[in-house]
């Protein structure tokens, strides 16, 4: 009698009873549908909450003492290119200041490592656009939009402000402001082409879901708070 290898059946999913497999498949499909619907719900909720509170023209922006300029890196493409999100936000913030709509700019960004300093880069760019350094305050702990918004109130004592960022980002910032009791409107920086910032727009859809979970489920707090700083 010759020697051979007796075939064996694989483990795992093949061994499960067909009815159980069907139930598992149905649960997986149902779970995926629930996740997608929840993501759509969060995005629609945040966009609706921002309706009528975002402005394209600086002349129409209600005056306030302070604008909160949300941070982003000066360079993109692994440091090879100037980040258009950065240049557009700086241009919008400077326009708002020179139009007399705000008296002070709070620039909030990430300074998590040596050599990466969003607030200082923003300040330097604003000064080049004619904004006096005395009219700029730096928040080095704006690691996330939630951190920037909550710190604006809890650390810098602001209950009313103008948010400066691109339209897709401003909607989420306004949602967070409303949740934390800040009377805010937003001035939209010039949008960056989706061809250039496809990933940023995709990430924003997910960030809106995270924002809803942060404030209503996880009750997330900023990474750092600290002592009160009076800026205006």
C-alpha atoms as a PDB file:
ATOM      1  CA  UNK A   1       0.000   0.000   0.000  1.00  0.00           C
ATOM      2  CA  UNK A   2       1.463   3.299  -1.043  1.00  0.00           C
ATOM      3  CA  UNK A   3       2.035   6.153   1.300  1.00  0.00           C
ATOM      4  CA  UNK A   4       0.049   9.322   0.851  1.00  0.00           C
ATOM      5  CA  UNK A   5      -1.170  12.399   2.596  1.00  0.00           C
ATOM      6  CA  UNK A   6      -4.647  12.259   3.956  1.00  0.00           C
ATOM      7  CA  UNK A   7      -6.395  15.509   3.043  1.00  0.00           C
ATOM      8  CA  UNK A   8      -7.598  17.543   5.951  1.00  0.00           C
ATOM      9  CA  UNK A   9     -10.195  20.203   6.097  1.00  0.00           C
ATOM     10  CA  UNK A  10      -9.128  23.671   7.082  1.00  0.00           C
ATOM     11  CA  UNK A  11     -10.068  25.146  10.411  1.00  0.00           C
ATOM     12  CA  UNK A  12     -11.946  28.321  11.093  1.00  0.00           C
ATOM     13  CA  UNK A  13     -14.915  29.603   9.171  1.00  0.00           C
ATOM     14  CA  UNK A  14     -15.356  26.426   7.030  1.00  0.00           C
ATOM     15  CA  UNK A  15     -16.173  24.323  10.117  1.00  0.00           C
ATOM     16  CA  UNK A  16     -18.989  26.614  11.250  1.00  0.00           C
ATOM     17  CA  UNK A  17     -22.503  25.414  10.621  1.00  0.00           C
ATOM     18  CA  UNK A  18     -23.994  27.072   7.481  1.00  0.00           C
ATOM     19  CA  UNK A  19     -26.790  28.641   9.511  1.00  0.00           C
ATOM     20  CA  UNK A  20     -24.297  30.108  11.959  1.00  0.00           C
ATOM     21  CA  UNK A  21     -22.203  31.409   9.066  1.00  0.00           C
ATOM     22  CA  UNK A  22     -25.263  33.126   7.652  1.00  0.00           C
ATOM     23  CA  UNK A  23     -26.069  34.734  11.009  1.00  0.00           C
ATOM     24  CA  UNK A  24     -22.473  35.925  11.435  1.00  0.00           C
ATOM     25  CA  UNK A  25     -22.522  37.386   7.929  1.00  0.00           C
ATOM     26  CA  UNK A  26     -25.810  39.158   8.652  1.00  0.00           C
ATOM     27  CA  UNK A  27     -24.419  40.604  11.885  1.00  0.00           C
ATOM     28  CA  UNK A  28     -21.299  41.838  10.079  1.00  0.00           C
ATOM     29  CA  UNK A  29     -23.339  43.479   7.340  1.00  0.00           C
ATOM     30  CA  UNK A  30     -25.700  45.031   9.882  1.00  0.00           C
ATOM     31  CA  UNK A  31     -22.760  46.322  11.899  1.00  0.00           C
ATOM     32  CA  UNK A  32     -21.185  47.877   8.818  1.00  0.00           C
ATOM     33  CA  UNK A  33     -24.454  49.572   7.875  1.00  0.00           C
ATOM     34  CA  UNK A  34     -24.861  50.969  11.411  1.00  0.00           C
ATOM     35  CA  UNK A  35     -21.311  52.352  11.354  1.00  0.00           C
ATOM     36  CA  UNK A  36     -21.848  54.027   7.971  1.00  0.00           C
ATOM     37  CA  UNK A  37     -25.204  55.485   9.036  1.00  0.00           C
ATOM     38  CA  UNK A  38     -23.744  56.792  12.283  1.00  0.00           C
ATOM     39  CA  UNK A  39     -20.876  58.443  10.375  1.00  0.00           C
ATOM     40  CA  UNK A  40     -23.372  60.086   8.014  1.00  0.00           C
ATOM     41  CA  UNK A  41     -25.478  61.231  10.958  1.00  0.00           C
ATOM     42  CA  UNK A  42     -22.464  62.845  12.682  1.00  0.00           C
ATOM     43  CA  UNK A  43     -21.419  64.653   9.507  1.00  0.00           C
ATOM     44  CA  UNK A  44     -24.919  65.963   8.775  1.00  0.00           C
ATOM     45  CA  UNK A  45     -25.386  67.025  12.405  1.00  0.00           C
ATOM     46  CA  UNK A  46     -22.151  69.022  12.463  1.00  0.00           C
ATOM     47  CA  UNK A  47     -22.754  70.657   9.082  1.00  0.00           C
ATOM     48  CA  UNK A  48     -26.293  71.657  10.086  1.00  0.00           C
ATOM     49  CA  UNK A  49     -25.039  73.064  13.397  1.00  0.00           C
ATOM     50  CA  UNK A  50     -22.662  75.367  11.501  1.00  0.00           C
ATOM     51  CA  UNK A  51     -25.281  76.622   9.049  1.00  0.00           C
ATOM     52  CA  UNK A  52     -25.495  80.422   8.980  1.00  0.00           C
ATOM     53  CA  UNK A  53     -22.445  80.873  11.205  1.00  0.00           C
ATOM     54  CA  UNK A  54     -19.673  80.734   8.597  1.00  0.00           C
ATOM     55  CA  UNK A  55     -18.681  83.780   6.557  1.00  0.00           C
ATOM     56  CA  UNK A  56     -16.831  84.076   3.265  1.00  0.00           C
ATOM     57  CA  UNK A  57     -16.356  87.871   3.313  1.00  0.00           C
ATOM     58  CA  UNK A  58     -14.481  89.522   6.154  1.00  0.00           C
ATOM     59  CA  UNK A  59     -16.727  92.579   5.894  1.00  0.00           C
ATOM     60  CA  UNK A  60     -19.716  90.496   6.977  1.00  0.00           C
ATOM     61  CA  UNK A  61     -18.076  88.881  10.011  1.00  0.00           C
ATOM     62  CA  UNK A  62     -19.507  90.129  13.335  1.00  0.00           C
ATOM     63  CA  UNK A  63     -16.814  91.968  15.272  1.00  0.00           C
ATOM     64  CA  UNK A  64     -15.189  90.255  18.255  1.00  0.00           C
ATOM     65  CA  UNK A  65     -12.165  90.896  20.411  1.00  0.00           C
ATOM     66  CA  UNK A  66     -10.326  87.696  19.495  1.00  0.00           C
ATOM     67  CA  UNK A  67     -10.020  85.296  16.577  1.00  0.00           C
ATOM     68  CA  UNK A  68      -8.891  81.733  17.194  1.00  0.00           C
ATOM     69  CA  UNK A  69      -6.665  80.648  14.313  1.00  0.00           C
ATOM     70  CA  UNK A  70      -6.494  76.865  14.134  1.00  0.00           C
ATOM     71  CA  UNK A  71      -3.060  75.456  13.484  1.00  0.00           C
ATOM     72  CA  UNK A  72      -1.544  73.303  10.800  1.00  0.00           C
ATOM     73  CA  UNK A  73       1.998  72.609   9.692  1.00  0.00           C
ATOM     74  CA  UNK A  74       3.807  75.188   7.568  1.00  0.00           C
ATOM     75  CA  UNK A  75       5.193  72.519   5.264  1.00  0.00           C
ATOM     76  CA  UNK A  76       3.682  69.453   3.643  1.00  0.00           C
ATOM     77  CA  UNK A  77       4.961  66.607   1.491  1.00  0.00           C
ATOM     78  CA  UNK A  78       7.541  65.546   4.087  1.00  0.00           C
ATOM     79  CA  UNK A  79       8.759  69.113   4.392  1.00  0.00           C
ATOM     80  CA  UNK A  80       9.226  69.680   0.675  1.00  0.00           C
ATOM     81  CA  UNK A  81       6.341  72.047  -0.055  1.00  0.00           C
ATOM     82  CA  UNK A  82       4.624  75.012   1.551  1.00  0.00           C
ATOM     83  CA  UNK A  83       1.307  73.807   2.970  1.00  0.00           C
ATOM     84  CA  UNK A  84      -1.593  75.651   1.256  1.00  0.00           C
ATOM     85  CA  UNK A  85      -3.798  75.126   4.321  1.00  0.00           C
ATOM     86  CA  UNK A  86      -1.229  77.091   6.325  1.00  0.00           C
ATOM     87  CA  UNK A  87      -0.894  79.967   3.843  1.00  0.00           C
ATOM     88  CA  UNK A  88      -4.659  80.304   3.366  1.00  0.00           C
ATOM     89  CA  UNK A  89      -5.372  80.384   7.108  1.00  0.00           C
ATOM     90  CA  UNK A  90      -2.658  82.978   7.694  1.00  0.00           C
ATOM     91  CA  UNK A  91      -4.013  85.125   4.850  1.00  0.00           C
ATOM     92  CA  UNK A  92      -7.541  84.916   6.275  1.00  0.00           C
ATOM     93  CA  UNK A  93      -6.432  85.744   9.824  1.00  0.00           C
ATOM     94  CA  UNK A  94      -4.411  88.757   8.645  1.00  0.00           C
ATOM     95  CA  UNK A  95      -7.344  89.953   6.527  1.00  0.00           C
ATOM     96  CA  UNK A  96      -9.689  89.703   9.498  1.00  0.00           C
ATOM     97  CA  UNK A  97      -7.307  91.693  11.691  1.00  0.00           C
ATOM     98  CA  UNK A  98      -6.624  94.415   9.127  1.00  0.00           C
ATOM     99  CA  UNK A  99     -10.364  94.732   8.456  1.00  0.00           C
ATOM    100  CA  UNK A 100     -10.767  95.689  12.119  1.00  0.00           C
ATOM    101  CA  UNK A 101     -13.038  92.747  12.862  1.00  0.00           C
ATOM    102  CA  UNK A 102     -10.824  91.475  15.692  1.00  0.00           C
ATOM    103  CA  UNK A 103      -8.262  93.112  17.941  1.00  0.00           C
ATOM    104  CA  UNK A 104      -6.240  90.031  18.792  1.00  0.00           C
ATOM    105  CA  UNK A 105      -5.287  86.680  17.271  1.00  0.00           C
ATOM    106  CA  UNK A 106      -4.925  83.521  19.355  1.00  0.00           C
ATOM    107  CA  UNK A 107      -2.924  81.082  17.233  1.00  0.00           C
ATOM    108  CA  UNK A 108      -3.328  77.562  18.530  1.00  0.00           C
ATOM    109  CA  UNK A 109      -1.329  74.632  17.253  1.00  0.00           C
ATOM    110  CA  UNK A 110       0.916  71.682  17.927  1.00  0.00           C
ATOM    111  CA  UNK A 111       4.393  71.983  19.439  1.00  0.00           C
ATOM    112  CA  UNK A 112       4.885  68.353  20.391  1.00  0.00           C
ATOM    113  CA  UNK A 113       8.535  68.063  19.412  1.00  0.00           C
ATOM    114  CA  UNK A 114      11.666  70.115  18.949  1.00  0.00           C
ATOM    115  CA  UNK A 115      11.705  71.519  15.435  1.00  0.00           C
ATOM    116  CA  UNK A 116       7.937  71.303  14.985  1.00  0.00           C
ATOM    117  CA  UNK A 117       6.286  74.496  16.190  1.00  0.00           C
ATOM    118  CA  UNK A 118       3.026  75.438  14.492  1.00  0.00           C
ATOM    119  CA  UNK A 119       2.206  78.483  16.701  1.00  0.00           C
ATOM    120  CA  UNK A 120       5.581  80.167  16.189  1.00  0.00           C
ATOM    121  CA  UNK A 121       5.467  79.525  12.439  1.00  0.00           C
ATOM    122  CA  UNK A 122       1.995  81.061  12.357  1.00  0.00           C
ATOM    123  CA  UNK A 123       3.079  84.090  14.358  1.00  0.00           C
ATOM    124  CA  UNK A 124       6.081  84.708  12.090  1.00  0.00           C
ATOM    125  CA  UNK A 125       3.893  84.472   8.990  1.00  0.00           C
ATOM    126  CA  UNK A 126       1.314  86.858  10.469  1.00  0.00           C
ATOM    127  CA  UNK A 127       3.989  89.399  11.389  1.00  0.00           C
ATOM    128  CA  UNK A 128       5.198  89.303   7.766  1.00  0.00           C
ATOM    129  CA  UNK A 129       1.641  90.208   6.777  1.00  0.00           C
ATOM    130  CA  UNK A 130       1.679  93.293   8.978  1.00  0.00           C
ATOM    131  CA  UNK A 131       0.026  91.995  12.148  1.00  0.00           C
ATOM    132  CA  UNK A 132       1.871  93.411  15.179  1.00  0.00           C
ATOM    133  CA  UNK A 133       3.437  90.798  17.421  1.00  0.00           C
ATOM    134  CA  UNK A 134       1.703  92.411  20.410  1.00  0.00           C
ATOM    135  CA  UNK A 135      -1.646  91.427  18.869  1.00  0.00           C
ATOM    136  CA  UNK A 136      -0.755  87.725  18.712  1.00  0.00           C
ATOM    137  CA  UNK A 137      -0.887  85.145  21.508  1.00  0.00           C
ATOM    138  CA  UNK A 138       0.523  81.662  21.060  1.00  0.00           C
ATOM    139  CA  UNK A 139      -1.149  78.525  22.376  1.00  0.00           C
ATOM    140  CA  UNK A 140       1.406  75.719  22.153  1.00  0.00           C
ATOM    141  CA  UNK A 141      -0.977  73.002  23.382  1.00  0.00           C
ATOM    142  CA  UNK A 142      -3.521  73.020  20.559  1.00  0.00           C
ATOM    143  CA  UNK A 143      -2.807  69.409  19.695  1.00  0.00           C
ATOM    144  CA  UNK A 144      -6.345  68.843  18.407  1.00  0.00           C
ATOM    145  CA  UNK A 145      -9.249  71.104  17.503  1.00  0.00           C
ATOM    146  CA  UNK A 146     -10.976  70.072  20.721  1.00  0.00           C
ATOM    147  CA  UNK A 147      -7.907  71.124  22.715  1.00  0.00           C
ATOM    148  CA  UNK A 148      -7.774  74.496  20.932  1.00  0.00           C
ATOM    149  CA  UNK A 149     -11.452  75.235  21.539  1.00  0.00           C
ATOM    150  CA  UNK A 150     -11.591  74.145  25.181  1.00  0.00           C
ATOM    151  CA  UNK A 151      -8.316  75.902  26.029  1.00  0.00           C
ATOM    152  CA  UNK A 152      -9.621  79.110  24.411  1.00  0.00           C
ATOM    153  CA  UNK A 153     -12.324  79.145  27.071  1.00  0.00           C
ATOM    154  CA  UNK A 154     -10.713  77.495  30.093  1.00  0.00           C
ATOM    155  CA  UNK A 155      -7.184  78.895  29.782  1.00  0.00           C
ATOM    156  CA  UNK A 156      -7.620  82.133  27.838  1.00  0.00           C
ATOM    157  CA  UNK A 157     -11.040  83.044  29.240  1.00  0.00           C
ATOM    158  CA  UNK A 158     -12.803  83.525  25.898  1.00  0.00           C
ATOM    159  CA  UNK A 159     -16.566  83.153  25.697  1.00  0.00           C
ATOM    160  CA  UNK A 160     -16.936  84.826  22.303  1.00  0.00           C
ATOM    161  CA  UNK A 161     -14.635  84.534  19.305  1.00  0.00           C
ATOM    162  CA  UNK A 162     -14.185  84.091  15.564  1.00  0.00           C
ATOM    163  CA  UNK A 163     -12.764  80.801  14.297  1.00  0.00           C
ATOM    164  CA  UNK A 164     -10.370  80.937  11.336  1.00  0.00           C
ATOM    165  CA  UNK A 165      -9.792  77.864   9.185  1.00  0.00           C
ATOM    166  CA  UNK A 166     -11.083  76.287   5.971  1.00  0.00           C
ATOM    167  CA  UNK A 167     -14.858  75.690   5.623  1.00  0.00           C
ATOM    168  CA  UNK A 168     -14.649  71.911   6.079  1.00  0.00           C
ATOM    169  CA  UNK A 169     -12.737  72.379   9.345  1.00  0.00           C
ATOM    170  CA  UNK A 170     -14.697  75.372  10.645  1.00  0.00           C
ATOM    171  CA  UNK A 171     -17.911  73.355  10.834  1.00  0.00           C
ATOM    172  CA  UNK A 172     -16.429  70.961  13.378  1.00  0.00           C
ATOM    173  CA  UNK A 173     -14.832  73.792  15.363  1.00  0.00           C
ATOM    174  CA  UNK A 174     -18.185  75.582  15.589  1.00  0.00           C
ATOM    175  CA  UNK A 175     -19.869  72.376  16.738  1.00  0.00           C
ATOM    176  CA  UNK A 176     -17.301  72.098  19.541  1.00  0.00           C
ATOM    177  CA  UNK A 177     -17.693  75.763  20.470  1.00  0.00           C
ATOM    178  CA  UNK A 178     -21.440  75.354  20.846  1.00  0.00           C
ATOM    179  CA  UNK A 179     -20.964  72.245  22.984  1.00  0.00           C
ATOM    180  CA  UNK A 180     -18.582  74.089  25.327  1.00  0.00           C
ATOM    181  CA  UNK A 181     -20.656  77.252  25.622  1.00  0.00           C
ATOM    182  CA  UNK A 182     -18.626  79.561  23.382  1.00  0.00           C
ATOM    183  CA  UNK A 183     -20.481  82.094  21.241  1.00  0.00           C
ATOM    184  CA  UNK A 184     -18.605  81.691  17.964  1.00  0.00           C
ATOM    185  CA  UNK A 185     -18.791  82.347  14.255  1.00  0.00           C
ATOM    186  CA  UNK A 186     -16.217  81.388  11.637  1.00  0.00           C
ATOM    187  CA  UNK A 187     -14.367  83.148   8.849  1.00  0.00           C
ATOM    188  CA  UNK A 188     -13.597  80.745   6.026  1.00  0.00           C
ATOM    189  CA  UNK A 189     -10.112  80.767   4.605  1.00  0.00           C
ATOM    190  CA  UNK A 190      -9.813  80.146   0.885  1.00  0.00           C
ATOM    191  CA  UNK A 191     -10.564  76.444   0.341  1.00  0.00           C
ATOM    192  CA  UNK A 192      -7.750  74.189  -0.785  1.00  0.00           C
ATOM    193  CA  UNK A 193      -8.495  72.108  -3.869  1.00  0.00           C
ATOM    194  CA  UNK A 194      -9.616  68.581  -3.028  1.00  0.00           C
ATOM    195  CA  UNK A 195      -7.152  67.397  -5.638  1.00  0.00           C
ATOM    196  CA  UNK A 196      -4.379  68.738  -3.425  1.00  0.00           C
ATOM    197  CA  UNK A 197      -5.940  67.948  -0.041  1.00  0.00           C
ATOM    198  CA  UNK A 198      -7.947  64.807  -0.706  1.00  0.00           C
ATOM    199  CA  UNK A 199      -6.632  63.121   2.439  1.00  0.00           C
ATOM    200  CA  UNK A 200      -7.431  66.132   4.647  1.00  0.00           C
ATOM    201  CA  UNK A 201     -11.051  66.128   3.477  1.00  0.00           C
ATOM    202  CA  UNK A 202     -11.399  62.372   3.979  1.00  0.00           C
ATOM    203  CA  UNK A 203      -9.856  62.650   7.435  1.00  0.00           C
ATOM    204  CA  UNK A 204     -12.340  65.400   8.308  1.00  0.00           C
ATOM    205  CA  UNK A 205     -15.309  63.065   7.738  1.00  0.00           C
ATOM    206  CA  UNK A 206     -13.821  60.727  10.327  1.00  0.00           C
ATOM    207  CA  UNK A 207     -12.845  63.607  12.640  1.00  0.00           C
ATOM    208  CA  UNK A 208     -16.490  64.694  12.827  1.00  0.00           C
ATOM    209  CA  UNK A 209     -17.461  61.259  14.074  1.00  0.00           C
ATOM    210  CA  UNK A 210     -14.674  61.444  16.632  1.00  0.00           C
ATOM    211  CA  UNK A 211     -15.877  64.894  17.720  1.00  0.00           C
ATOM    212  CA  UNK A 212     -19.365  63.605  18.486  1.00  0.00           C
ATOM    213  CA  UNK A 213     -17.960  60.636  20.388  1.00  0.00           C
ATOM    214  CA  UNK A 214     -15.488  62.854  22.260  1.00  0.00           C
ATOM    215  CA  UNK A 215     -18.113  65.205  23.650  1.00  0.00           C
ATOM    216  CA  UNK A 216     -21.086  62.906  24.118  1.00  0.00           C
ATOM    217  CA  UNK A 217     -19.572  59.488  24.827  1.00  0.00           C
ATOM    218  CA  UNK A 218     -15.933  59.673  25.914  1.00  0.00           C
ATOM    219  CA  UNK A 219     -16.131  63.170  27.480  1.00  0.00           C
ATOM    220  CA  UNK A 220     -12.593  63.798  26.284  1.00  0.00           C
ATOM    221  CA  UNK A 221     -10.548  66.545  27.938  1.00  0.00           C
ATOM    222  CA  UNK A 222      -7.635  68.508  26.459  1.00  0.00           C
ATOM    223  CA  UNK A 223      -4.220  67.006  26.974  1.00  0.00           C
ATOM    224  CA  UNK A 224      -3.127  70.079  28.943  1.00  0.00           C
ATOM    225  CA  UNK A 225      -4.936  72.993  30.552  1.00  0.00           C
ATOM    226  CA  UNK A 226      -2.874  75.062  32.986  1.00  0.00           C
ATOM    227  CA  UNK A 227      -3.207  78.453  34.641  1.00  0.00           C
ATOM    228  CA  UNK A 228      -5.419  81.208  33.282  1.00  0.00           C
ATOM    229  CA  UNK A 229      -3.829  83.600  30.759  1.00  0.00           C
ATOM    230  CA  UNK A 230      -5.562  86.910  30.067  1.00  0.00           C
ATOM    231  CA  UNK A 231      -5.019  88.069  26.498  1.00  0.00           C
ATOM    232  CA  UNK A 232      -7.677  90.686  25.840  1.00  0.00           C
END
